[in-house]
Amino acid sequence: MQAMAQNQVNSIVTTTSGIFGGLGKVLSANIFLAAITIQTLLEVAVYASVSALVGYCIKLIIDLITHLFKPKKHE
């Protein structure tokens, strides 16, 4: 089995973080199926989107930092 590329691992971590962030928002607001409204769905969707965006931005910053400190190959 071939190892996954670092970018794939980062994408999985970012997606998982967004999912858990959205679920955390739902659970912390004590939302149950009977109380779901369009406004609530939109709030959760926006929160999950912002959470995923923040996670992706952090991934880009980490990638940039690792690229800056990565030893350069001399050819």
PDB file of N, CA and C in Angstrom:
ATOM      1  N   MET A   1       0.838  -1.184   0.000  1.00  0.00           N
ATOM      2  CA  MET A   1       0.000   0.000   0.000  1.00  0.00           C
ATOM      3  C   MET A   1       0.879   1.241   0.000  1.00  0.00           C
ATOM      4  N   GLN A   2       0.577   2.164  -0.874  1.00  0.00           N
ATOM      5  CA  GLN A   2       1.371   3.376  -1.011  1.00  0.00           C
ATOM      6  C   GLN A   2       0.943   4.402   0.039  1.00  0.00           C
ATOM      7  N   ALA A   3       1.936   5.090   0.601  1.00  0.00           N
ATOM      8  CA  ALA A   3       1.646   6.109   1.604  1.00  0.00           C
ATOM      9  C   ALA A   3       0.951   7.300   0.947  1.00  0.00           C
ATOM     10  N   MET A   4       0.078   7.945   1.707  1.00  0.00           N
ATOM     11  CA  MET A   4      -0.638   9.112   1.183  1.00  0.00           C
ATOM     12  C   MET A   4       0.287  10.315   1.164  1.00  0.00           C
ATOM     13  N   ALA A   5       0.105  11.166   0.175  1.00  0.00           N
ATOM     14  CA  ALA A   5       0.882  12.395   0.082  1.00  0.00           C
ATOM     15  C   ALA A   5       0.484  13.333   1.222  1.00  0.00           C
ATOM     16  N   GLN A   6       1.418  14.200   1.613  1.00  0.00           N
ATOM     17  CA  GLN A   6       1.155  15.112   2.723  1.00  0.00           C
ATOM     18  C   GLN A   6      -0.038  16.019   2.443  1.00  0.00           C
ATOM     19  N   ASN A   7      -0.204  16.468   1.191  1.00  0.00           N
ATOM     20  CA  ASN A   7      -1.341  17.329   0.859  1.00  0.00           C
ATOM     21  C   ASN A   7      -2.667  16.616   1.056  1.00  0.00           C
ATOM     22  N   GLN A   8      -2.713  15.315   0.755  1.00  0.00           N
ATOM     23  CA  GLN A   8      -3.934  14.549   0.963  1.00  0.00           C
ATOM     24  C   GLN A   8      -4.243  14.438   2.449  1.00  0.00           C
ATOM     25  N   VAL A   9      -3.220  14.204   3.252  1.00  0.00           N
ATOM     26  CA  VAL A   9      -3.409  14.110   4.697  1.00  0.00           C
ATOM     27  C   VAL A   9      -3.907  15.450   5.233  1.00  0.00           C
ATOM     28  N   ASN A  10      -3.301  16.541   4.781  1.00  0.00           N
ATOM     29  CA  ASN A  10      -3.732  17.874   5.224  1.00  0.00           C
ATOM     30  C   ASN A  10      -5.181  18.143   4.835  1.00  0.00           C
ATOM     31  N   SER A  11      -5.571  17.733   3.637  1.00  0.00           N
ATOM     32  CA  SER A  11      -6.949  17.944   3.189  1.00  0.00           C
ATOM     33  C   SER A  11      -7.929  17.155   4.044  1.00  0.00           C
ATOM     34  N   ILE A  12      -7.562  15.932   4.375  1.00  0.00           N
ATOM     35  CA  ILE A  12      -8.433  15.105   5.221  1.00  0.00           C
ATOM     36  C   ILE A  12      -8.566  15.721   6.606  1.00  0.00           C
ATOM     37  N   VAL A  13      -7.453  16.191   7.160  1.00  0.00           N
ATOM     38  CA  VAL A  13      -7.486  16.821   8.482  1.00  0.00           C
ATOM     39  C   VAL A  13      -8.336  18.086   8.443  1.00  0.00           C
ATOM     40  N   THR A  14      -8.191  18.891   7.394  1.00  0.00           N
ATOM     41  CA  THR A  14      -8.960  20.130   7.274  1.00  0.00           C
ATOM     42  C   THR A  14     -10.452  19.838   7.151  1.00  0.00           C
ATOM     43  N   THR A  15     -10.806  18.863   6.327  1.00  0.00           N
ATOM     44  CA  THR A  15     -12.211  18.509   6.148  1.00  0.00           C
ATOM     45  C   THR A  15     -12.809  17.973   7.441  1.00  0.00           C
ATOM     46  N   THR A  16     -12.060  17.102   8.109  1.00  0.00           N
ATOM     47  CA  THR A  16     -12.529  16.531   9.370  1.00  0.00           C
ATOM     48  C   THR A  16     -12.725  17.620  10.412  1.00  0.00           C
ATOM     49  N   SER A  17     -11.800  18.561  10.453  1.00  0.00           N
ATOM     50  CA  SER A  17     -11.910  19.673  11.395  1.00  0.00           C
ATOM     51  C   SER A  17     -13.172  20.486  11.130  1.00  0.00           C
ATOM     52  N   GLY A  18     -13.469  20.750   9.872  1.00  0.00           N
ATOM     53  CA  GLY A  18     -14.677  21.490   9.520  1.00  0.00           C
ATOM     54  C   GLY A  18     -15.951  20.749   9.903  1.00  0.00           C
ATOM     55  N   ILE A  19     -15.936  19.441   9.682  1.00  0.00           N
ATOM     56  CA  ILE A  19     -17.109  18.631  10.031  1.00  0.00           C
ATOM     57  C   ILE A  19     -17.333  18.650  11.540  1.00  0.00           C
ATOM     58  N   PHE A  20     -16.263  18.414  12.305  1.00  0.00           N
ATOM     59  CA  PHE A  20     -16.408  18.405  13.759  1.00  0.00           C
ATOM     60  C   PHE A  20     -16.752  19.798  14.292  1.00  0.00           C
ATOM     61  N   GLY A  21     -16.246  20.842  13.654  1.00  0.00           N
ATOM     62  CA  GLY A  21     -16.608  22.195  14.056  1.00  0.00           C
ATOM     63  C   GLY A  21     -18.092  22.450  13.860  1.00  0.00           C
ATOM     64  N   GLY A  22     -18.624  22.036  12.716  1.00  0.00           N
ATOM     65  CA  GLY A  22     -20.054  22.190  12.450  1.00  0.00           C
ATOM     66  C   GLY A  22     -20.910  21.366  13.399  1.00  0.00           C
ATOM     67  N   LEU A  23     -20.483  20.125  13.630  1.00  0.00           N
ATOM     68  CA  LEU A  23     -21.225  19.283  14.569  1.00  0.00           C
ATOM     69  C   LEU A  23     -21.169  19.844  15.987  1.00  0.00           C
ATOM     70  N   GLY A  24     -20.011  20.376  16.358  1.00  0.00           N
ATOM     71  CA  GLY A  24     -19.881  20.990  17.685  1.00  0.00           C
ATOM     72  C   GLY A  24     -20.811  22.169  17.840  1.00  0.00           C
ATOM     73  N   LYS A  25     -20.948  22.960  16.780  1.00  0.00           N
ATOM     74  CA  LYS A  25     -21.868  24.105  16.802  1.00  0.00           C
ATOM     75  C   LYS A  25     -23.303  23.619  16.991  1.00  0.00           C
ATOM     76  N   VAL A  26     -23.677  22.581  16.288  1.00  0.00           N
ATOM     77  CA  VAL A  26     -25.032  22.049  16.407  1.00  0.00           C
ATOM     78  C   VAL A  26     -25.284  21.534  17.819  1.00  0.00           C
ATOM     79  N   LEU A  27     -24.357  20.748  18.336  1.00  0.00           N
ATOM     80  CA  LEU A  27     -24.557  20.160  19.659  1.00  0.00           C
ATOM     81  C   LEU A  27     -24.506  21.206  20.763  1.00  0.00           C
ATOM     82  N   SER A  28     -23.651  22.200  20.614  1.00  0.00           N
ATOM     83  CA  SER A  28     -23.560  23.229  21.654  1.00  0.00           C
ATOM     84  C   SER A  28     -24.791  24.123  21.683  1.00  0.00           C
ATOM     85  N   ALA A  29     -25.494  24.225  20.589  1.00  0.00           N
ATOM     86  CA  ALA A  29     -26.702  25.041  20.528  1.00  0.00           C
ATOM     87  C   ALA A  29     -27.939  24.237  20.932  1.00  0.00           C
ATOM     88  N   ASN A  30     -27.736  22.971  21.319  1.00  0.00           N
ATOM     89  CA  ASN A  30     -28.842  22.087  21.734  1.00  0.00           C
ATOM     90  C   ASN A  30     -29.934  22.007  20.676  1.00  0.00           C
ATOM     91  N   ILE A  31     -29.523  21.833  19.456  1.00  0.00           N
ATOM     92  CA  ILE A  31     -30.480  21.737  18.354  1.00  0.00           C
ATOM     93  C   ILE A  31     -30.885  20.272  18.177  1.00  0.00           C
ATOM     94  N   PHE A  32     -32.160  20.034  18.153  1.00  0.00           N
ATOM     95  CA  PHE A  32     -32.678  18.697  17.915  1.00  0.00           C
ATOM     96  C   PHE A  32     -33.438  18.708  16.593  1.00  0.00           C
ATOM     97  N   LEU A  33     -33.720  17.525  16.066  1.00  0.00           N
ATOM     98  CA  LEU A  33     -34.382  17.429  14.767  1.00  0.00           C
ATOM     99  C   LEU A  33     -35.712  18.178  14.731  1.00  0.00           C
ATOM    100  N   ALA A  34     -36.426  18.192  15.831  1.00  0.00           N
ATOM    101  CA  ALA A  34     -37.732  18.857  15.854  1.00  0.00           C
ATOM    102  C   ALA A  34     -37.591  20.375  15.809  1.00  0.00           C
ATOM    103  N   ALA A  35     -36.411  20.892  16.141  1.00  0.00           N
ATOM    104  CA  ALA A  35     -36.239  22.338  16.233  1.00  0.00           C
ATOM    105  C   ALA A  35     -35.440  22.914  15.069  1.00  0.00           C
ATOM    106  N   ILE A  36     -35.215  22.140  14.031  1.00  0.00           N
ATOM    107  CA  ILE A  36     -34.419  22.619  12.904  1.00  0.00           C
ATOM    108  C   ILE A  36     -35.257  23.550  12.035  1.00  0.00           C
ATOM    109  N   THR A  37     -34.712  24.731  11.781  1.00  0.00           N
ATOM    110  CA  THR A  37     -35.375  25.705  10.911  1.00  0.00           C
ATOM    111  C   THR A  37     -34.399  26.086   9.797  1.00  0.00           C
ATOM    112  N   ILE A  38     -34.894  26.793   8.819  1.00  0.00           N
ATOM    113  CA  ILE A  38     -34.040  27.250   7.721  1.00  0.00           C
ATOM    114  C   ILE A  38     -32.930  28.153   8.258  1.00  0.00           C
ATOM    115  N   GLN A  39     -33.280  29.045   9.197  1.00  0.00           N
ATOM    116  CA  GLN A  39     -32.278  29.940   9.784  1.00  0.00           C
ATOM    117  C   GLN A  39     -31.183  29.145  10.486  1.00  0.00           C
ATOM    118  N   THR A  40     -31.577  28.121  11.220  1.00  0.00           N
ATOM    119  CA  THR A  40     -30.595  27.292  11.924  1.00  0.00           C
ATOM    120  C   THR A  40     -29.696  26.556  10.945  1.00  0.00           C
ATOM    121  N   LEU A  41     -30.282  26.018   9.898  1.00  0.00           N
ATOM    122  CA  LEU A  41     -29.494  25.318   8.883  1.00  0.00           C
ATOM    123  C   LEU A  41     -28.489  26.265   8.232  1.00  0.00           C
ATOM    124  N   LEU A  42     -28.919  27.488   7.936  1.00  0.00           N
ATOM    125  CA  LEU A  42     -28.018  28.469   7.337  1.00  0.00           C
ATOM    126  C   LEU A  42     -26.896  28.852   8.291  1.00  0.00           C
ATOM    127  N   GLU A  43     -27.225  29.026   9.568  1.00  0.00           N
ATOM    128  CA  GLU A  43     -26.198  29.362  10.557  1.00  0.00           C
ATOM    129  C   GLU A  43     -25.143  28.261  10.642  1.00  0.00           C
ATOM    130  N   VAL A  44     -25.587  27.010  10.679  1.00  0.00           N
ATOM    131  CA  VAL A  44     -24.658  25.886  10.767  1.00  0.00           C
ATOM    132  C   VAL A  44     -23.827  25.779   9.491  1.00  0.00           C
ATOM    133  N   ALA A  45     -24.459  25.991   8.336  1.00  0.00           N
ATOM    134  CA  ALA A  45     -23.728  25.924   7.067  1.00  0.00           C
ATOM    135  C   ALA A  45     -22.666  27.013   6.994  1.00  0.00           C
ATOM    136  N   VAL A  46     -23.018  28.224   7.431  1.00  0.00           N
ATOM    137  CA  VAL A  46     -22.044  29.322   7.429  1.00  0.00           C
ATOM    138  C   VAL A  46     -20.916  29.026   8.401  1.00  0.00           C
ATOM    139  N   TYR A  47     -21.252  28.557   9.596  1.00  0.00           N
ATOM    140  CA  TYR A  47     -20.231  28.236  10.589  1.00  0.00           C
ATOM    141  C   TYR A  47     -19.281  27.155  10.066  1.00  0.00           C
ATOM    142  N   ALA A  48     -19.844  26.107   9.459  1.00  0.00           N
ATOM    143  CA  ALA A  48     -19.011  25.022   8.925  1.00  0.00           C
ATOM    144  C   ALA A  48     -18.122  25.531   7.788  1.00  0.00           C
ATOM    145  N   SER A  49     -18.662  26.415   6.955  1.00  0.00           N
ATOM    146  CA  SER A  49     -17.871  26.975   5.853  1.00  0.00           C
ATOM    147  C   SER A  49     -16.718  27.828   6.372  1.00  0.00           C
ATOM    148  N   VAL A  50     -17.010  28.669   7.350  1.00  0.00           N
ATOM    149  CA  VAL A  50     -15.962  29.514   7.933  1.00  0.00           C
ATOM    150  C   VAL A  50     -14.918  28.645   8.621  1.00  0.00           C
ATOM    151  N   SER A  51     -15.366  27.616   9.322  1.00  0.00           N
ATOM    152  CA  SER A  51     -14.435  26.709   9.997  1.00  0.00           C
ATOM    153  C   SER A  51     -13.521  26.010   8.985  1.00  0.00           C
ATOM    154  N   ALA A  52     -14.094  25.552   7.886  1.00  0.00           N
ATOM    155  CA  ALA A  52     -13.293  24.901   6.847  1.00  0.00           C
ATOM    156  C   ALA A  52     -12.329  25.898   6.198  1.00  0.00           C
ATOM    157  N   LEU A  53     -12.782  27.135   5.989  1.00  0.00           N
ATOM    158  CA  LEU A  53     -11.923  28.157   5.397  1.00  0.00           C
ATOM    159  C   LEU A  53     -10.745  28.474   6.311  1.00  0.00           C
ATOM    160  N   VAL A  54     -11.007  28.607   7.596  1.00  0.00           N
ATOM    161  CA  VAL A  54      -9.929  28.867   8.556  1.00  0.00           C
ATOM    162  C   VAL A  54      -8.945  27.708   8.565  1.00  0.00           C
ATOM    163  N   GLY A  55      -9.465  26.486   8.576  1.00  0.00           N
ATOM    164  CA  GLY A  55      -8.590  25.313   8.538  1.00  0.00           C
ATOM    165  C   GLY A  55      -7.735  25.282   7.283  1.00  0.00           C
ATOM    166  N   TYR A  56      -8.324  25.640   6.144  1.00  0.00           N
ATOM    167  CA  TYR A  56      -7.578  25.639   4.887  1.00  0.00           C
ATOM    168  C   TYR A  56      -6.512  26.724   4.892  1.00  0.00           C
ATOM    169  N   CYS A  57      -6.847  27.899   5.441  1.00  0.00           N
ATOM    170  CA  CYS A  57      -5.857  28.984   5.527  1.00  0.00           C
ATOM    171  C   CYS A  57      -4.684  28.579   6.426  1.00  0.00           C
ATOM    172  N   ILE A  58      -4.984  27.918   7.522  1.00  0.00           N
ATOM    173  CA  ILE A  58      -3.914  27.436   8.406  1.00  0.00           C
ATOM    174  C   ILE A  58      -3.053  26.425   7.670  1.00  0.00           C
ATOM    175  N   LYS A  59      -3.690  25.549   6.886  1.00  0.00           N
ATOM    176  CA  LYS A  59      -2.931  24.575   6.095  1.00  0.00           C
ATOM    177  C   LYS A  59      -1.992  25.288   5.128  1.00  0.00           C
ATOM    178  N   LEU A  60      -2.493  26.333   4.447  1.00  0.00           N
ATOM    179  CA  LEU A  60      -1.651  27.073   3.509  1.00  0.00           C
ATOM    180  C   LEU A  60      -0.483  27.748   4.222  1.00  0.00           C
ATOM    181  N   ILE A  61      -0.737  28.292   5.397  1.00  0.00           N
ATOM    182  CA  ILE A  61       0.337  28.937   6.161  1.00  0.00           C
ATOM    183  C   ILE A  61       1.384  27.912   6.580  1.00  0.00           C
ATOM    184  N   ILE A  62       0.941  26.751   7.038  1.00  0.00           N
ATOM    185  CA  ILE A  62       1.887  25.698   7.434  1.00  0.00           C
ATOM    186  C   ILE A  62       2.684  25.228   6.227  1.00  0.00           C
ATOM    187  N   ASP A  63       2.017  25.053   5.089  1.00  0.00           N
ATOM    188  CA  ASP A  63       2.723  24.657   3.866  1.00  0.00           C
ATOM    189  C   ASP A  63       3.761  25.706   3.466  1.00  0.00           C
ATOM    190  N   LEU A  64       3.410  26.984   3.585  1.00  0.00           N
ATOM    191  CA  LEU A  64       4.339  28.066   3.250  1.00  0.00           C
ATOM    192  C   LEU A  64       5.541  28.054   4.195  1.00  0.00           C
ATOM    193  N   ILE A  65       5.289  27.886   5.482  1.00  0.00           N
ATOM    194  CA  ILE A  65       6.381  27.867   6.457  1.00  0.00           C
ATOM    195  C   ILE A  65       7.309  26.678   6.213  1.00  0.00           C
ATOM    196  N   THR A  66       6.730  25.505   5.968  1.00  0.00           N
ATOM    197  CA  THR A  66       7.579  24.338   5.715  1.00  0.00           C
ATOM    198  C   THR A  66       8.365  24.507   4.423  1.00  0.00           C
ATOM    199  N   HIS A  67       7.762  25.170   3.419  1.00  0.00           N
ATOM    200  CA  HIS A  67       8.467  25.412   2.161  1.00  0.00           C
ATOM    201  C   HIS A  67       9.636  26.379   2.370  1.00  0.00           C
ATOM    202  N   LEU A  68       9.435  27.389   3.217  1.00  0.00           N
ATOM    203  CA  LEU A  68      10.497  28.365   3.471  1.00  0.00           C
ATOM    204  C   LEU A  68      11.680  27.755   4.211  1.00  0.00           C
ATOM    205  N   PHE A  69      11.393  26.823   5.123  1.00  0.00           N
ATOM    206  CA  PHE A  69      12.463  26.237   5.926  1.00  0.00           C
ATOM    207  C   PHE A  69      12.980  24.909   5.373  1.00  0.00           C
ATOM    208  N   LYS A  70      12.429  24.481   4.263  1.00  0.00           N
ATOM    209  CA  LYS A  70      12.848  23.231   3.640  1.00  0.00           C
ATOM    210  C   LYS A  70      14.226  23.421   3.018  1.00  0.00           C
ATOM    211  N   PRO A  71      15.142  22.484   3.268  1.00  0.00           N
ATOM    212  CA  PRO A  71      16.465  22.624   2.647  1.00  0.00           C
ATOM    213  C   PRO A  71      16.357  22.604   1.122  1.00  0.00           C
ATOM    214  N   LYS A  72      17.067  23.493   0.491  1.00  0.00           N
ATOM    215  CA  LYS A  72      17.028  23.574  -0.970  1.00  0.00           C
ATOM    216  C   LYS A  72      18.051  22.620  -1.569  1.00  0.00           C
ATOM    217  N   LYS A  73      17.637  21.976  -2.646  1.00  0.00           N
ATOM    218  CA  LYS A  73      18.523  21.047  -3.351  1.00  0.00           C
ATOM    219  C   LYS A  73      19.439  21.834  -4.283  1.00  0.00           C
ATOM    220  N   HIS A  74      20.718  21.550  -4.217  1.00  0.00           N
ATOM    221  CA  HIS A  74      21.668  22.177  -5.120  1.00  0.00           C
ATOM    222  C   HIS A  74      21.944  21.226  -6.271  1.00  0.00           C
ATOM    223  N   GLU A  75      21.689  21.705  -7.478  1.00  0.00           N
ATOM    224  CA  GLU A  75      21.898  20.829  -8.643  1.00  0.00           C
ATOM    225  C   GLU A  75      23.166  21.186  -9.355  1.00  0.00           C
TER     226      GLU A  75
END
